[in-house]
Amino acid sequence: MSAWVGWIGPAAIALALLWLALLSRRLGRVTHSAPYYVGLFVAAGCVAISPIAQVVNLILKTNVERSIGWALVYNGLPAVGLTLGISFAWRYWSWLFAERD
């Protein structure tokens, strides 16, 4: 049973990154800023590959846990996606933290 709920966390992170990308795109249209939100879509895609692969693995009942592909797809891509998401979100939303007089 725990294998079936292991994909929920990465899927939630991918949805949060997607929501942030959509919100950033809306804000970018109003402020005419550079389209850094595209990087958030890429980050959401990188993170979303992991839960999709986990569900496909569970449906097909294959055992790929000991291969190098397991480490790259299940752990590596979400790490890359989160790193990209944090960097693009910081670049896009850092004006909120700027000191104002």
PDB file of N, CA and C in Angstrom:
ATOM      1  N   MET A   1       0.815  -1.200   0.000  1.00  0.00           N
ATOM      2  CA  MET A   1       0.000   0.000   0.000  1.00  0.00           C
ATOM      3  C   MET A   1       0.855   1.259   0.000  1.00  0.00           C
ATOM      4  N   SER A   2       1.989   1.245   0.721  1.00  0.00           N
ATOM      5  CA  SER A   2       2.815   2.451   0.789  1.00  0.00           C
ATOM      6  C   SER A   2       3.413   2.795  -0.565  1.00  0.00           C
ATOM      7  N   ALA A   3       3.610   1.802  -1.417  1.00  0.00           N
ATOM      8  CA  ALA A   3       4.133   2.091  -2.751  1.00  0.00           C
ATOM      9  C   ALA A   3       3.120   2.886  -3.574  1.00  0.00           C
ATOM     10  N   TRP A   4       1.850   2.680  -3.302  1.00  0.00           N
ATOM     11  CA  TRP A   4       0.823   3.385  -4.051  1.00  0.00           C
ATOM     12  C   TRP A   4       0.658   4.835  -3.612  1.00  0.00           C
ATOM     13  N   VAL A   5       1.084   5.188  -2.427  1.00  0.00           N
ATOM     14  CA  VAL A   5       0.945   6.583  -1.990  1.00  0.00           C
ATOM     15  C   VAL A   5       2.261   7.344  -2.086  1.00  0.00           C
ATOM     16  N   GLY A   6       3.333   6.698  -2.501  1.00  0.00           N
ATOM     17  CA  GLY A   6       4.630   7.345  -2.602  1.00  0.00           C
ATOM     18  C   GLY A   6       4.712   8.379  -3.705  1.00  0.00           C
ATOM     19  N   TRP A   7       3.827   8.352  -4.656  1.00  0.00           N
ATOM     20  CA  TRP A   7       3.848   9.299  -5.762  1.00  0.00           C
ATOM     21  C   TRP A   7       3.084  10.579  -5.446  1.00  0.00           C
ATOM     22  N   ILE A   8       2.341  10.617  -4.341  1.00  0.00           N
ATOM     23  CA  ILE A   8       1.497  11.776  -4.040  1.00  0.00           C
ATOM     24  C   ILE A   8       2.340  13.022  -3.725  1.00  0.00           C
ATOM     25  N   GLY A   9       3.423  12.856  -2.980  1.00  0.00           N
ATOM     26  CA  GLY A   9       4.268  13.997  -2.622  1.00  0.00           C
ATOM     27  C   GLY A   9       4.879  14.685  -3.838  1.00  0.00           C
ATOM     28  N   PRO A  10       5.574  13.936  -4.718  1.00  0.00           N
ATOM     29  CA  PRO A  10       6.122  14.583  -5.919  1.00  0.00           C
ATOM     30  C   PRO A  10       5.042  15.172  -6.828  1.00  0.00           C
ATOM     31  N   ALA A  11       3.882  14.524  -6.887  1.00  0.00           N
ATOM     32  CA  ALA A  11       2.795  15.075  -7.702  1.00  0.00           C
ATOM     33  C   ALA A  11       2.301  16.392  -7.123  1.00  0.00           C
ATOM     34  N   ALA A  12       2.223  16.495  -5.808  1.00  0.00           N
ATOM     35  CA  ALA A  12       1.793  17.745  -5.168  1.00  0.00           C
ATOM     36  C   ALA A  12       2.809  18.860  -5.404  1.00  0.00           C
ATOM     37  N   ILE A  13       4.091  18.517  -5.361  1.00  0.00           N
ATOM     38  CA  ILE A  13       5.125  19.518  -5.631  1.00  0.00           C
ATOM     39  C   ILE A  13       5.052  19.986  -7.082  1.00  0.00           C
ATOM     40  N   ALA A  14       4.824  19.059  -8.003  1.00  0.00           N
ATOM     41  CA  ALA A  14       4.684  19.432  -9.416  1.00  0.00           C
ATOM     42  C   ALA A  14       3.481  20.341  -9.618  1.00  0.00           C
ATOM     43  N   LEU A  15       2.374  20.042  -8.952  1.00  0.00           N
ATOM     44  CA  LEU A  15       1.196  20.905  -9.065  1.00  0.00           C
ATOM     45  C   LEU A  15       1.443  22.279  -8.455  1.00  0.00           C
ATOM     46  N   ALA A  16       2.180  22.345  -7.361  1.00  0.00           N
ATOM     47  CA  ALA A  16       2.507  23.638  -6.757  1.00  0.00           C
ATOM     48  C   ALA A  16       3.388  24.465  -7.691  1.00  0.00           C
ATOM     49  N   LEU A  17       4.370  23.822  -8.327  1.00  0.00           N
ATOM     50  CA  LEU A  17       5.204  24.535  -9.291  1.00  0.00           C
ATOM     51  C   LEU A  17       4.405  24.987 -10.501  1.00  0.00           C
ATOM     52  N   LEU A  18       3.473  24.165 -10.942  1.00  0.00           N
ATOM     53  CA  LEU A  18       2.606  24.546 -12.053  1.00  0.00           C
ATOM     54  C   LEU A  18       1.733  25.738 -11.683  1.00  0.00           C
ATOM     55  N   TRP A  19       1.183  25.719 -10.479  1.00  0.00           N
ATOM     56  CA  TRP A  19       0.367  26.835 -10.007  1.00  0.00           C
ATOM     57  C   TRP A  19       1.196  28.114  -9.925  1.00  0.00           C
ATOM     58  N   LEU A  20       2.423  28.010  -9.439  1.00  0.00           N
ATOM     59  CA  LEU A  20       3.302  29.164  -9.347  1.00  0.00           C
ATOM     60  C   LEU A  20       3.660  29.687 -10.737  1.00  0.00           C
ATOM     61  N   ALA A  21       3.858  28.794 -11.693  1.00  0.00           N
ATOM     62  CA  ALA A  21       4.155  29.211 -13.061  1.00  0.00           C
ATOM     63  C   ALA A  21       2.972  29.942 -13.683  1.00  0.00           C
ATOM     64  N   LEU A  22       1.771  29.430 -13.467  1.00  0.00           N
ATOM     65  CA  LEU A  22       0.582  30.099 -14.008  1.00  0.00           C
ATOM     66  C   LEU A  22       0.372  31.462 -13.367  1.00  0.00           C
ATOM     67  N   LEU A  23       0.590  31.549 -12.071  1.00  0.00           N
ATOM     68  CA  LEU A  23       0.471  32.826 -11.374  1.00  0.00           C
ATOM     69  C   LEU A  23       1.537  33.803 -11.856  1.00  0.00           C
ATOM     70  N   SER A  24       2.746  33.322 -12.064  1.00  0.00           N
ATOM     71  CA  SER A  24       3.833  34.168 -12.548  1.00  0.00           C
ATOM     72  C   SER A  24       3.561  34.648 -13.969  1.00  0.00           C
ATOM     73  N   ARG A  25       2.999  33.787 -14.791  1.00  0.00           N
ATOM     74  CA  ARG A  25       2.661  34.190 -16.155  1.00  0.00           C
ATOM     75  C   ARG A  25       1.627  35.302 -16.158  1.00  0.00           C
ATOM     76  N   ARG A  26       0.649  35.176 -15.281  1.00  0.00           N
ATOM     77  CA  ARG A  26      -0.371  36.232 -15.185  1.00  0.00           C
ATOM     78  C   ARG A  26       0.236  37.554 -14.736  1.00  0.00           C
ATOM     79  N   LEU A  27       1.092  37.482 -13.739  1.00  0.00           N
ATOM     80  CA  LEU A  27       1.743  38.690 -13.251  1.00  0.00           C
ATOM     81  C   LEU A  27       2.665  39.273 -14.311  1.00  0.00           C
ATOM     82  N   GLY A  28       3.365  38.424 -15.039  1.00  0.00           N
ATOM     83  CA  GLY A  28       4.260  38.889 -16.090  1.00  0.00           C
ATOM     84  C   GLY A  28       3.539  39.599 -17.218  1.00  0.00           C
ATOM     85  N   ARG A  29       2.342  39.162 -17.526  1.00  0.00           N
ATOM     86  CA  ARG A  29       1.559  39.843 -18.562  1.00  0.00           C
ATOM     87  C   ARG A  29       1.169  41.247 -18.132  1.00  0.00           C
ATOM     88  N   VAL A  30       0.892  41.415 -16.866  1.00  0.00           N
ATOM     89  CA  VAL A  30       0.488  42.736 -16.361  1.00  0.00           C
ATOM     90  C   VAL A  30       1.688  43.668 -16.258  1.00  0.00           C
ATOM     91  N   THR A  31       2.804  43.162 -15.751  1.00  0.00           N
ATOM     92  CA  THR A  31       3.979  44.007 -15.512  1.00  0.00           C
ATOM     93  C   THR A  31       4.936  44.064 -16.702  1.00  0.00           C
ATOM     94  N   HIS A  32       4.677  43.305 -17.749  1.00  0.00           N
ATOM     95  CA  HIS A  32       5.514  43.242 -18.949  1.00  0.00           C
ATOM     96  C   HIS A  32       6.959  42.886 -18.599  1.00  0.00           C
ATOM     97  N   SER A  33       7.128  41.928 -17.709  1.00  0.00           N
ATOM     98  CA  SER A  33       8.464  41.488 -17.304  1.00  0.00           C
ATOM     99  C   SER A  33       8.932  40.339 -18.192  1.00  0.00           C
ATOM    100  N   ALA A  34      10.192  39.989 -18.030  1.00  0.00           N
ATOM    101  CA  ALA A  34      10.767  38.901 -18.818  1.00  0.00           C
ATOM    102  C   ALA A  34      10.076  37.575 -18.470  1.00  0.00           C
ATOM    103  N   PRO A  35       9.946  36.681 -19.442  1.00  0.00           N
ATOM    104  CA  PRO A  35       9.196  35.433 -19.213  1.00  0.00           C
ATOM    105  C   PRO A  35      10.003  34.371 -18.462  1.00  0.00           C
ATOM    106  N   TYR A  36      10.381  34.682 -17.225  1.00  0.00           N
ATOM    107  CA  TYR A  36      11.091  33.693 -16.414  1.00  0.00           C
ATOM    108  C   TYR A  36      10.171  32.551 -15.975  1.00  0.00           C
ATOM    109  N   TYR A  37       8.879  32.740 -16.100  1.00  0.00           N
ATOM    110  CA  TYR A  37       7.936  31.709 -15.686  1.00  0.00           C
ATOM    111  C   TYR A  37       8.064  30.446 -16.524  1.00  0.00           C
ATOM    112  N   VAL A  38       8.659  30.540 -17.692  1.00  0.00           N
ATOM    113  CA  VAL A  38       8.853  29.360 -18.538  1.00  0.00           C
ATOM    114  C   VAL A  38       9.731  28.338 -17.814  1.00  0.00           C
ATOM    115  N   GLY A  39      10.703  28.826 -17.070  1.00  0.00           N
ATOM    116  CA  GLY A  39      11.548  27.935 -16.278  1.00  0.00           C
ATOM    117  C   GLY A  39      10.762  27.191 -15.212  1.00  0.00           C
ATOM    118  N   LEU A  40       9.715  27.826 -14.696  1.00  0.00           N
ATOM    119  CA  LEU A  40       8.864  27.147 -13.714  1.00  0.00           C
ATOM    120  C   LEU A  40       8.061  26.027 -14.361  1.00  0.00           C
ATOM    121  N   PHE A  41       7.650  26.220 -15.612  1.00  0.00           N
ATOM    122  CA  PHE A  41       6.978  25.137 -16.329  1.00  0.00           C
ATOM    123  C   PHE A  41       7.931  23.965 -16.567  1.00  0.00           C
ATOM    124  N   VAL A  42       9.181  24.267 -16.901  1.00  0.00           N
ATOM    125  CA  VAL A  42      10.186  23.213 -17.090  1.00  0.00           C
ATOM    126  C   VAL A  42      10.422  22.474 -15.775  1.00  0.00           C
ATOM    127  N   ALA A  43      10.519  23.232 -14.682  1.00  0.00           N
ATOM    128  CA  ALA A  43      10.732  22.613 -13.366  1.00  0.00           C
ATOM    129  C   ALA A  43       9.554  21.714 -12.995  1.00  0.00           C
ATOM    130  N   ALA A  44       8.332  22.178 -13.250  1.00  0.00           N
ATOM    131  CA  ALA A  44       7.158  21.352 -12.957  1.00  0.00           C
ATOM    132  C   ALA A  44       7.161  20.081 -13.801  1.00  0.00           C
ATOM    133  N   GLY A  45       7.592  20.187 -15.046  1.00  0.00           N
ATOM    134  CA  GLY A  45       7.687  19.002 -15.901  1.00  0.00           C
ATOM    135  C   GLY A  45       8.719  18.007 -15.402  1.00  0.00           C
ATOM    136  N   CYS A  46       9.871  18.517 -14.945  1.00  0.00           N
ATOM    137  CA  CYS A  46      10.909  17.628 -14.410  1.00  0.00           C
ATOM    138  C   CYS A  46      10.410  16.884 -13.175  1.00  0.00           C
ATOM    139  N   VAL A  47       9.721  17.604 -12.302  1.00  0.00           N
ATOM    140  CA  VAL A  47       9.213  16.971 -11.081  1.00  0.00           C
ATOM    141  C   VAL A  47       8.067  16.017 -11.407  1.00  0.00           C
ATOM    142  N   ALA A  48       7.247  16.348 -12.406  1.00  0.00           N
ATOM    143  CA  ALA A  48       6.082  15.528 -12.732  1.00  0.00           C
ATOM    144  C   ALA A  48       6.448  14.187 -13.354  1.00  0.00           C
ATOM    145  N   ILE A  49       7.633  14.066 -13.906  1.00  0.00           N
ATOM    146  CA  ILE A  49       8.032  12.801 -14.525  1.00  0.00           C
ATOM    147  C   ILE A  49       8.151  11.696 -13.478  1.00  0.00           C
ATOM    148  N   SER A  50       8.600  12.046 -12.287  1.00  0.00           N
ATOM    149  CA  SER A  50       8.788  11.042 -11.235  1.00  0.00           C
ATOM    150  C   SER A  50       7.493  10.349 -10.820  1.00  0.00           C
ATOM    151  N   PRO A  51       6.423  11.062 -10.450  1.00  0.00           N
ATOM    152  CA  PRO A  51       5.210  10.335 -10.069  1.00  0.00           C
ATOM    153  C   PRO A  51       4.569   9.581 -11.234  1.00  0.00           C
ATOM    154  N   ILE A  52       4.707  10.117 -12.444  1.00  0.00           N
ATOM    155  CA  ILE A  52       4.172   9.400 -13.610  1.00  0.00           C
ATOM    156  C   ILE A  52       4.915   8.079 -13.786  1.00  0.00           C
ATOM    157  N   ALA A  53       6.236   8.119 -13.663  1.00  0.00           N
ATOM    158  CA  ALA A  53       7.041   6.888 -13.789  1.00  0.00           C
ATOM    159  C   ALA A  53       6.731   5.916 -12.666  1.00  0.00           C
ATOM    160  N   GLN A  54       6.497   6.424 -11.464  1.00  0.00           N
ATOM    161  CA  GLN A  54       6.172   5.535 -10.346  1.00  0.00           C
ATOM    162  C   GLN A  54       4.841   4.830 -10.559  1.00  0.00           C
ATOM    163  N   VAL A  55       3.844   5.563 -11.040  1.00  0.00           N
ATOM    164  CA  VAL A  55       2.531   4.955 -11.282  1.00  0.00           C
ATOM    165  C   VAL A  55       2.618   3.937 -12.418  1.00  0.00           C
ATOM    166  N   VAL A  56       3.344   4.276 -13.480  1.00  0.00           N
ATOM    167  CA  VAL A  56       3.512   3.331 -14.585  1.00  0.00           C
ATOM    168  C   VAL A  56       4.240   2.085 -14.092  1.00  0.00           C
ATOM    169  N   ASN A  57       5.249   2.258 -13.259  1.00  0.00           N
ATOM    170  CA  ASN A  57       5.970   1.123 -12.695  1.00  0.00           C
ATOM    171  C   ASN A  57       5.050   0.247 -11.858  1.00  0.00           C
ATOM    172  N   LEU A  58       4.169   0.857 -11.086  1.00  0.00           N
ATOM    173  CA  LEU A  58       3.244   0.072 -10.260  1.00  0.00           C
ATOM    174  C   LEU A  58       2.191  -0.639 -11.105  1.00  0.00           C
ATOM    175  N   ILE A  59       1.724   0.011 -12.164  1.00  0.00           N
ATOM    176  CA  ILE A  59       0.709  -0.607 -13.012  1.00  0.00           C
ATOM    177  C   ILE A  59       1.303  -1.788 -13.783  1.00  0.00           C
ATOM    178  N   LEU A  60       2.506  -1.598 -14.326  1.00  0.00           N
ATOM    179  CA  LEU A  60       3.138  -2.669 -15.106  1.00  0.00           C
ATOM    180  C   LEU A  60       3.786  -3.732 -14.230  1.00  0.00           C
ATOM    181  N   LYS A  61       3.885  -3.460 -12.926  1.00  0.00           N
ATOM    182  CA  LYS A  61       4.463  -4.381 -11.953  1.00  0.00           C
ATOM    183  C   LYS A  61       5.878  -4.803 -12.332  1.00  0.00           C
ATOM    184  N   THR A  62       6.668  -3.817 -12.736  1.00  0.00           N
ATOM    185  CA  THR A  62       8.071  -4.090 -13.027  1.00  0.00           C
ATOM    186  C   THR A  62       8.903  -3.770 -11.793  1.00  0.00           C
ATOM    187  N   ASN A  63      10.087  -4.307 -11.758  1.00  0.00           N
ATOM    188  CA  ASN A  63      10.975  -4.076 -10.629  1.00  0.00           C
ATOM    189  C   ASN A  63      12.240  -3.380 -11.141  1.00  0.00           C
ATOM    190  N   VAL A  64      12.214  -2.052 -11.144  1.00  0.00           N
ATOM    191  CA  VAL A  64      13.348  -1.281 -11.637  1.00  0.00           C
ATOM    192  C   VAL A  64      14.069  -0.554 -10.507  1.00  0.00           C
ATOM    193  N   GLU A  65      13.786  -0.935  -9.291  1.00  0.00           N
ATOM    194  CA  GLU A  65      14.320  -0.205  -8.149  1.00  0.00           C
ATOM    195  C   GLU A  65      15.837  -0.284  -8.025  1.00  0.00           C
ATOM    196  N   ARG A  66      16.457  -1.275  -8.612  1.00  0.00           N
ATOM    197  CA  ARG A  66      17.901  -1.438  -8.454  1.00  0.00           C
ATOM    198  C   ARG A  66      18.685  -0.930  -9.654  1.00  0.00           C
ATOM    199  N   SER A  67      18.044  -0.346 -10.612  1.00  0.00           N
ATOM    200  CA  SER A  67      18.753   0.137 -11.787  1.00  0.00           C
ATOM    201  C   SER A  67      19.139   1.602 -11.610  1.00  0.00           C
ATOM    202  N   ILE A  68      20.040   2.058 -12.453  1.00  0.00           N
ATOM    203  CA  ILE A  68      20.475   3.459 -12.398  1.00  0.00           C
ATOM    204  C   ILE A  68      19.349   4.379 -12.856  1.00  0.00           C
ATOM    205  N   GLY A  69      18.464   3.873 -13.695  1.00  0.00           N
ATOM    206  CA  GLY A  69      17.311   4.658 -14.132  1.00  0.00           C
ATOM    207  C   GLY A  69      16.399   5.021 -12.979  1.00  0.00           C
ATOM    208  N   TRP A  70      16.293   4.134 -12.007  1.00  0.00           N
ATOM    209  CA  TRP A  70      15.485   4.403 -10.811  1.00  0.00           C
ATOM    210  C   TRP A  70      16.000   5.645 -10.105  1.00  0.00           C
ATOM    211  N   ALA A  71      17.285   5.702  -9.900  1.00  0.00           N
ATOM    212  CA  ALA A  71      17.874   6.841  -9.187  1.00  0.00           C
ATOM    213  C   ALA A  71      17.739   8.128  -9.979  1.00  0.00           C
ATOM    214  N   LEU A  72      17.912   8.040 -11.284  1.00  0.00           N
ATOM    215  CA  LEU A  72      17.846   9.253 -12.091  1.00  0.00           C
ATOM    216  C   LEU A  72      16.422   9.774 -12.262  1.00  0.00           C
ATOM    217  N   VAL A  73      15.487   8.898 -12.517  1.00  0.00           N
ATOM    218  CA  VAL A  73      14.115   9.341 -12.775  1.00  0.00           C
ATOM    219  C   VAL A  73      13.368   9.628 -11.481  1.00  0.00           C
ATOM    220  N   TYR A  74      13.496   8.774 -10.509  1.00  0.00           N
ATOM    221  CA  TYR A  74      12.708   8.924  -9.283  1.00  0.00           C
ATOM    222  C   TYR A  74      13.291   9.942  -8.316  1.00  0.00           C
ATOM    223  N   ASN A  75      14.619  10.110  -8.322  1.00  0.00           N
ATOM    224  CA  ASN A  75      15.247  11.032  -7.374  1.00  0.00           C
ATOM    225  C   ASN A  75      15.956  12.188  -8.054  1.00  0.00           C
ATOM    226  N   GLY A  76      16.606  11.946  -9.176  1.00  0.00           N
ATOM    227  CA  GLY A  76      17.398  12.976  -9.837  1.00  0.00           C
ATOM    228  C   GLY A  76      16.574  14.061 -10.488  1.00  0.00           C
ATOM    229  N   LEU A  77      15.572  13.679 -11.264  1.00  0.00           N
ATOM    230  CA  LEU A  77      14.745  14.684 -11.933  1.00  0.00           C
ATOM    231  C   LEU A  77      13.970  15.569 -10.965  1.00  0.00           C
ATOM    232  N   PRO A  78      13.382  15.029  -9.897  1.00  0.00           N
ATOM    233  CA  PRO A  78      12.741  15.946  -8.939  1.00  0.00           C
ATOM    234  C   PRO A  78      13.736  16.895  -8.280  1.00  0.00           C
ATOM    235  N   ALA A  79      14.949  16.433  -8.030  1.00  0.00           N
ATOM    236  CA  ALA A  79      15.963  17.318  -7.439  1.00  0.00           C
ATOM    237  C   ALA A  79      16.323  18.441  -8.408  1.00  0.00           C
ATOM    238  N   VAL A  80      16.491  18.101  -9.678  1.00  0.00           N
ATOM    239  CA  VAL A  80      16.775  19.121 -10.689  1.00  0.00           C
ATOM    240  C   VAL A  80      15.599  20.074 -10.821  1.00  0.00           C
ATOM    241  N   GLY A  81      14.384  19.527 -10.838  1.00  0.00           N
ATOM    242  CA  GLY A  81      13.193  20.367 -10.962  1.00  0.00           C
ATOM    243  C   GLY A  81      13.022  21.319  -9.794  1.00  0.00           C
ATOM    244  N   LEU A  82      13.254  20.825  -8.587  1.00  0.00           N
ATOM    245  CA  LEU A  82      13.140  21.700  -7.421  1.00  0.00           C
ATOM    246  C   LEU A  82      14.205  22.781  -7.422  1.00  0.00           C
ATOM    247  N   THR A  83      15.419  22.433  -7.823  1.00  0.00           N
ATOM    248  CA  THR A  83      16.479  23.432  -7.900  1.00  0.00           C
ATOM    249  C   THR A  83      16.140  24.502  -8.928  1.00  0.00           C
ATOM    250  N   LEU A  84      15.673  24.081 -10.087  1.00  0.00           N
ATOM    251  CA  LEU A  84      15.244  25.045 -11.100  1.00  0.00           C
ATOM    252  C   LEU A  84      14.074  25.884 -10.604  1.00  0.00           C
ATOM    253  N   GLY A  85      13.113  25.241  -9.974  1.00  0.00           N
ATOM    254  CA  GLY A  85      11.943  25.965  -9.485  1.00  0.00           C
ATOM    255  C   GLY A  85      12.298  27.013  -8.459  1.00  0.00           C
ATOM    256  N   ILE A  86      13.180  26.672  -7.540  1.00  0.00           N
ATOM    257  CA  ILE A  86      13.588  27.643  -6.517  1.00  0.00           C
ATOM    258  C   ILE A  86      14.343  28.799  -7.144  1.00  0.00           C
ATOM    259  N   SER A  87      15.239  28.501  -8.073  1.00  0.00           N
ATOM    260  CA  SER A  87      16.021  29.583  -8.670  1.00  0.00           C
ATOM    261  C   SER A  87      15.160  30.504  -9.528  1.00  0.00           C
ATOM    262  N   PHE A  88      14.258  29.956 -10.321  1.00  0.00           N
ATOM    263  CA  PHE A  88      13.400  30.802 -11.143  1.00  0.00           C
ATOM    264  C   PHE A  88      12.369  31.552 -10.307  1.00  0.00           C
ATOM    265  N   ALA A  89      11.844  30.916  -9.290  1.00  0.00           N
ATOM    266  CA  ALA A  89      10.892  31.613  -8.419  1.00  0.00           C
ATOM    267  C   ALA A  89      11.587  32.748  -7.676  1.00  0.00           C
ATOM    268  N   TRP A  90      12.812  32.506  -7.224  1.00  0.00           N
ATOM    269  CA  TRP A  90      13.549  33.570  -6.546  1.00  0.00           C
ATOM    270  C   TRP A  90      13.831  34.722  -7.511  1.00  0.00           C
ATOM    271  N   ARG A  91      14.226  34.406  -8.729  1.00  0.00           N
ATOM    272  CA  ARG A  91      14.510  35.444  -9.728  1.00  0.00           C
ATOM    273  C   ARG A  91      13.254  36.232 -10.062  1.00  0.00           C
ATOM    274  N   TYR A  92      12.146  35.560 -10.164  1.00  0.00           N
ATOM    275  CA  TYR A  92      10.910  36.207 -10.595  1.00  0.00           C
ATOM    276  C   TYR A  92      10.231  36.977  -9.462  1.00  0.00           C
ATOM    277  N   TRP A  93      10.282  36.457  -8.266  1.00  0.00           N
ATOM    278  CA  TRP A  93       9.537  37.044  -7.156  1.00  0.00           C
ATOM    279  C   TRP A  93      10.417  37.767  -6.142  1.00  0.00           C
ATOM    280  N   SER A  94      11.681  37.971  -6.418  1.00  0.00           N
ATOM    281  CA  SER A  94      12.572  38.602  -5.439  1.00  0.00           C
ATOM    282  C   SER A  94      12.239  40.062  -5.201  1.00  0.00           C
ATOM    283  N   TRP A  95      11.495  40.685  -6.086  1.00  0.00           N
ATOM    284  CA  TRP A  95      11.132  42.084  -5.887  1.00  0.00           C
ATOM    285  C   TRP A  95      10.258  42.267  -4.646  1.00  0.00           C
ATOM    286  N   LEU A  96       9.612  41.199  -4.213  1.00  0.00           N
ATOM    287  CA  LEU A  96       8.795  41.300  -3.003  1.00  0.00           C
ATOM    288  C   LEU A  96       9.634  41.527  -1.755  1.00  0.00           C
ATOM    289  N   PHE A  97      10.890  41.081  -1.797  1.00  0.00           N
ATOM    290  CA  PHE A  97      11.763  41.192  -0.638  1.00  0.00           C
ATOM    291  C   PHE A  97      12.680  42.416  -0.699  1.00  0.00           C
ATOM    292  N   ALA A  98      12.588  43.170  -1.766  1.00  0.00           N
ATOM    293  CA  ALA A  98      13.451  44.343  -1.902  1.00  0.00           C
ATOM    294  C   ALA A  98      13.052  45.400  -0.864  1.00  0.00           C
ATOM    295  N   GLU A  99      14.061  46.062  -0.353  1.00  0.00           N
ATOM    296  CA  GLU A  99      13.811  47.089   0.662  1.00  0.00           C
ATOM    297  C   GLU A  99      13.260  48.340  -0.013  1.00  0.00           C
ATOM    298  N   ARG A 100      12.206  48.861   0.519  1.00  0.00           N
ATOM    299  CA  ARG A 100      11.577  50.072  -0.002  1.00  0.00           C
ATOM    300  C   ARG A 100      11.716  51.199   0.998  1.00  0.00           C
ATOM    301  N   ASP A 101      11.928  52.397   0.501  1.00  0.00           N
ATOM    302  CA  ASP A 101      12.003  53.564   1.388  1.00  0.00           C
ATOM    303  C   ASP A 101      10.644  54.191   1.574  1.00  0.00           C
TER     304      ASP A 101
END
